[in-house]
N, C-alpha and C. Protein backbone atom coordinates (compact mmCIF):
# COMPACT_ATOMS: atom_id res chain seq x y z
N MET A 1 13.08 -19.06 26.40
CA MET A 1 13.11 -17.71 25.94
C MET A 1 11.67 -17.23 25.74
N ALA A 2 11.38 -16.03 26.16
CA ALA A 2 10.04 -15.48 26.03
C ALA A 2 9.81 -14.94 24.63
N ARG A 3 8.59 -15.10 24.16
CA ARG A 3 8.23 -14.57 22.85
C ARG A 3 7.76 -13.13 23.01
N LYS A 4 8.09 -12.31 22.03
CA LYS A 4 7.67 -10.92 22.05
C LYS A 4 6.21 -10.82 21.61
N LYS A 5 5.48 -9.92 22.24
CA LYS A 5 4.11 -9.67 21.84
C LYS A 5 4.12 -8.77 20.61
N PRO A 6 3.21 -9.01 19.67
CA PRO A 6 3.17 -8.14 18.49
C PRO A 6 2.76 -6.73 18.89
N ASN A 7 3.35 -5.77 18.22
CA ASN A 7 3.04 -4.37 18.46
C ASN A 7 1.94 -3.95 17.49
N PRO A 8 0.72 -3.68 18.00
CA PRO A 8 -0.37 -3.35 17.08
C PRO A 8 -0.15 -2.04 16.34
N LYS A 9 0.69 -1.15 16.84
CA LYS A 9 0.95 0.11 16.15
C LYS A 9 1.79 -0.08 14.90
N ALA A 10 2.54 -1.17 14.84
CA ALA A 10 3.44 -1.41 13.72
C ALA A 10 2.85 -2.40 12.72
N ALA A 11 1.54 -2.67 12.79
CA ALA A 11 0.92 -3.66 11.91
C ALA A 11 0.64 -3.06 10.53
N PHE A 12 1.13 -3.74 9.52
CA PHE A 12 0.93 -3.32 8.14
C PHE A 12 0.37 -4.47 7.33
N VAL A 13 -0.29 -4.14 6.25
CA VAL A 13 -0.73 -5.12 5.26
C VAL A 13 0.03 -4.80 3.98
N LEU A 14 0.53 -5.83 3.32
CA LEU A 14 1.31 -5.64 2.10
C LEU A 14 0.42 -5.83 0.87
N PHE A 15 0.62 -4.97 -0.12
CA PHE A 15 -0.17 -5.02 -1.35
C PHE A 15 0.77 -5.04 -2.56
N ASN A 16 0.35 -5.76 -3.59
CA ASN A 16 1.00 -5.72 -4.89
C ASN A 16 0.17 -4.78 -5.76
N VAL A 17 0.84 -3.89 -6.47
CA VAL A 17 0.15 -2.89 -7.27
C VAL A 17 0.49 -3.10 -8.74
N LEU A 18 -0.54 -3.13 -9.59
CA LEU A 18 -0.37 -3.24 -11.03
C LEU A 18 -0.82 -1.92 -11.64
N TYR A 19 0.07 -1.32 -12.43
CA TYR A 19 -0.23 -0.04 -13.07
C TYR A 19 -0.74 -0.26 -14.49
N GLU A 20 -1.44 0.72 -15.03
CA GLU A 20 -2.02 0.59 -16.36
C GLU A 20 -0.98 0.41 -17.46
N ASP A 21 0.25 0.88 -17.25
CA ASP A 21 1.29 0.71 -18.25
C ASP A 21 1.94 -0.67 -18.19
N GLY A 22 1.48 -1.54 -17.28
CA GLY A 22 2.00 -2.90 -17.18
C GLY A 22 3.06 -3.08 -16.12
N SER A 23 3.56 -2.00 -15.54
CA SER A 23 4.57 -2.12 -14.49
C SER A 23 3.90 -2.57 -13.19
N GLN A 24 4.72 -3.11 -12.31
CA GLN A 24 4.22 -3.66 -11.06
C GLN A 24 5.10 -3.22 -9.91
N SER A 25 4.49 -3.01 -8.76
CA SER A 25 5.20 -2.69 -7.53
C SER A 25 4.74 -3.68 -6.47
N SER A 26 5.68 -4.31 -5.80
CA SER A 26 5.34 -5.35 -4.84
C SER A 26 5.57 -4.89 -3.41
N ASN A 27 4.80 -5.49 -2.51
CA ASN A 27 4.96 -5.32 -1.07
C ASN A 27 4.86 -3.86 -0.61
N ARG A 28 3.86 -3.15 -1.09
CA ARG A 28 3.62 -1.79 -0.64
C ARG A 28 2.92 -1.85 0.71
N LYS A 29 3.46 -1.15 1.70
CA LYS A 29 2.92 -1.20 3.07
C LYS A 29 1.77 -0.22 3.25
N VAL A 30 0.68 -0.72 3.85
CA VAL A 30 -0.48 0.09 4.20
C VAL A 30 -0.83 -0.23 5.64
N PRO A 31 -1.04 0.78 6.49
CA PRO A 31 -1.40 0.52 7.89
C PRO A 31 -2.70 -0.28 7.97
N SER A 32 -2.70 -1.32 8.78
CA SER A 32 -3.87 -2.20 8.86
C SER A 32 -5.07 -1.56 9.53
N GLU A 33 -4.87 -0.52 10.34
CA GLU A 33 -6.00 0.07 11.05
C GLU A 33 -6.96 0.81 10.13
N ILE A 34 -6.53 1.17 8.90
CA ILE A 34 -7.44 1.87 8.00
C ILE A 34 -8.23 0.90 7.13
N LEU A 35 -7.89 -0.38 7.16
CA LEU A 35 -8.54 -1.38 6.32
C LEU A 35 -9.68 -2.05 7.05
N GLY A 36 -10.56 -2.70 6.30
CA GLY A 36 -11.67 -3.42 6.90
C GLY A 36 -12.93 -2.58 6.90
N GLY A 37 -13.90 -3.05 7.62
CA GLY A 37 -15.17 -2.33 7.65
C GLY A 37 -15.91 -2.46 6.33
N LEU A 38 -16.78 -1.53 6.07
CA LEU A 38 -17.58 -1.59 4.85
C LEU A 38 -16.78 -1.30 3.59
N ASP A 39 -15.70 -0.53 3.73
CA ASP A 39 -14.89 -0.17 2.56
C ASP A 39 -13.92 -1.26 2.14
N GLY A 40 -13.64 -2.23 3.01
CA GLY A 40 -12.71 -3.29 2.68
C GLY A 40 -11.32 -2.76 2.42
N ASP A 41 -10.74 -3.08 1.24
CA ASP A 41 -9.39 -2.64 0.89
C ASP A 41 -9.38 -1.35 0.07
N ASP A 42 -10.52 -0.72 -0.15
CA ASP A 42 -10.56 0.52 -0.93
C ASP A 42 -9.69 1.63 -0.36
N PRO A 43 -9.61 1.82 0.96
CA PRO A 43 -8.73 2.87 1.49
C PRO A 43 -7.25 2.64 1.15
N ALA A 44 -6.86 1.40 0.88
CA ALA A 44 -5.47 1.10 0.54
C ALA A 44 -5.08 1.79 -0.76
N ARG A 45 -5.99 1.85 -1.72
CA ARG A 45 -5.71 2.50 -3.00
C ARG A 45 -5.38 3.97 -2.76
N THR A 46 -6.13 4.63 -1.88
CA THR A 46 -5.89 6.04 -1.58
C THR A 46 -4.51 6.24 -0.96
N ILE A 47 -4.15 5.37 -0.02
CA ILE A 47 -2.84 5.46 0.64
C ILE A 47 -1.73 5.22 -0.36
N ILE A 48 -1.88 4.22 -1.22
CA ILE A 48 -0.84 3.90 -2.20
C ILE A 48 -0.70 5.04 -3.22
N GLU A 49 -1.81 5.64 -3.64
CA GLU A 49 -1.73 6.79 -4.55
C GLU A 49 -1.01 7.96 -3.88
N GLU A 50 -1.25 8.16 -2.60
CA GLU A 50 -0.55 9.21 -1.86
C GLU A 50 0.95 8.92 -1.79
N GLN A 51 1.30 7.65 -1.54
CA GLN A 51 2.71 7.26 -1.52
C GLN A 51 3.35 7.51 -2.88
N ASP A 52 2.62 7.19 -3.95
CA ASP A 52 3.15 7.42 -5.31
C ASP A 52 3.41 8.90 -5.57
N ARG A 53 2.51 9.76 -5.09
CA ARG A 53 2.71 11.21 -5.27
C ARG A 53 3.96 11.68 -4.54
N GLU A 54 4.16 11.19 -3.31
CA GLU A 54 5.35 11.57 -2.54
C GLU A 54 6.63 11.09 -3.23
N ILE A 55 6.60 9.87 -3.76
CA ILE A 55 7.76 9.33 -4.46
C ILE A 55 8.03 10.14 -5.73
N ALA A 56 6.96 10.52 -6.44
CA ALA A 56 7.12 11.31 -7.67
C ALA A 56 7.71 12.68 -7.37
N GLU A 57 7.31 13.30 -6.26
CA GLU A 57 7.86 14.60 -5.89
C GLU A 57 9.36 14.51 -5.63
N ARG A 58 9.77 13.44 -4.97
CA ARG A 58 11.19 13.28 -4.64
C ARG A 58 12.03 12.91 -5.85
N SER A 59 11.50 12.04 -6.70
CA SER A 59 12.30 11.53 -7.81
C SER A 59 12.14 12.35 -9.09
N GLY A 60 11.03 13.07 -9.20
CA GLY A 60 10.78 13.81 -10.42
C GLY A 60 10.15 12.98 -11.52
N ARG A 61 9.84 11.72 -11.22
CA ARG A 61 9.21 10.82 -12.20
C ARG A 61 7.91 10.31 -11.62
N SER A 62 6.82 10.49 -12.34
CA SER A 62 5.53 10.06 -11.83
C SER A 62 5.18 8.67 -12.33
N ARG A 63 4.38 7.95 -11.54
CA ARG A 63 3.87 6.64 -11.92
C ARG A 63 2.58 6.85 -12.67
N GLY A 64 2.19 5.88 -13.45
CA GLY A 64 0.93 5.95 -14.15
C GLY A 64 -0.23 5.63 -13.22
N PRO A 65 -1.42 5.67 -13.74
CA PRO A 65 -2.59 5.34 -12.93
C PRO A 65 -2.60 3.87 -12.51
N ILE A 66 -3.15 3.60 -11.35
CA ILE A 66 -3.21 2.24 -10.82
C ILE A 66 -4.34 1.47 -11.51
N LYS A 67 -4.02 0.28 -12.00
CA LYS A 67 -5.02 -0.56 -12.63
C LYS A 67 -5.70 -1.44 -11.59
N SER A 68 -4.90 -2.06 -10.70
CA SER A 68 -5.48 -2.92 -9.66
C SER A 68 -4.51 -3.08 -8.51
N ILE A 69 -5.07 -3.42 -7.35
CA ILE A 69 -4.24 -3.75 -6.19
C ILE A 69 -4.73 -5.08 -5.63
N ALA A 70 -3.80 -5.83 -5.04
CA ALA A 70 -4.14 -7.12 -4.44
C ALA A 70 -3.25 -7.33 -3.22
N ARG A 71 -3.82 -7.94 -2.20
CA ARG A 71 -3.01 -8.24 -1.01
C ARG A 71 -1.90 -9.23 -1.37
N ALA A 72 -0.74 -9.00 -0.83
CA ALA A 72 0.41 -9.86 -1.11
C ALA A 72 0.37 -11.11 -0.25
């Protein structure tokens, strides 16, 4: 059986997010093409904050500020 080649367009990096109120969110997906370079994982924080805003708009409940992020 032939193995499938990975699709570079669908590549994500997973992050665990710790909020200042002590809550945690696991396996948040961030596109891998925005990571790396001189900024390292800093762009991931921006993407995750944007995701949090979208979730807050839909649910009506906002998350607190992010304390730290780490690759899963």
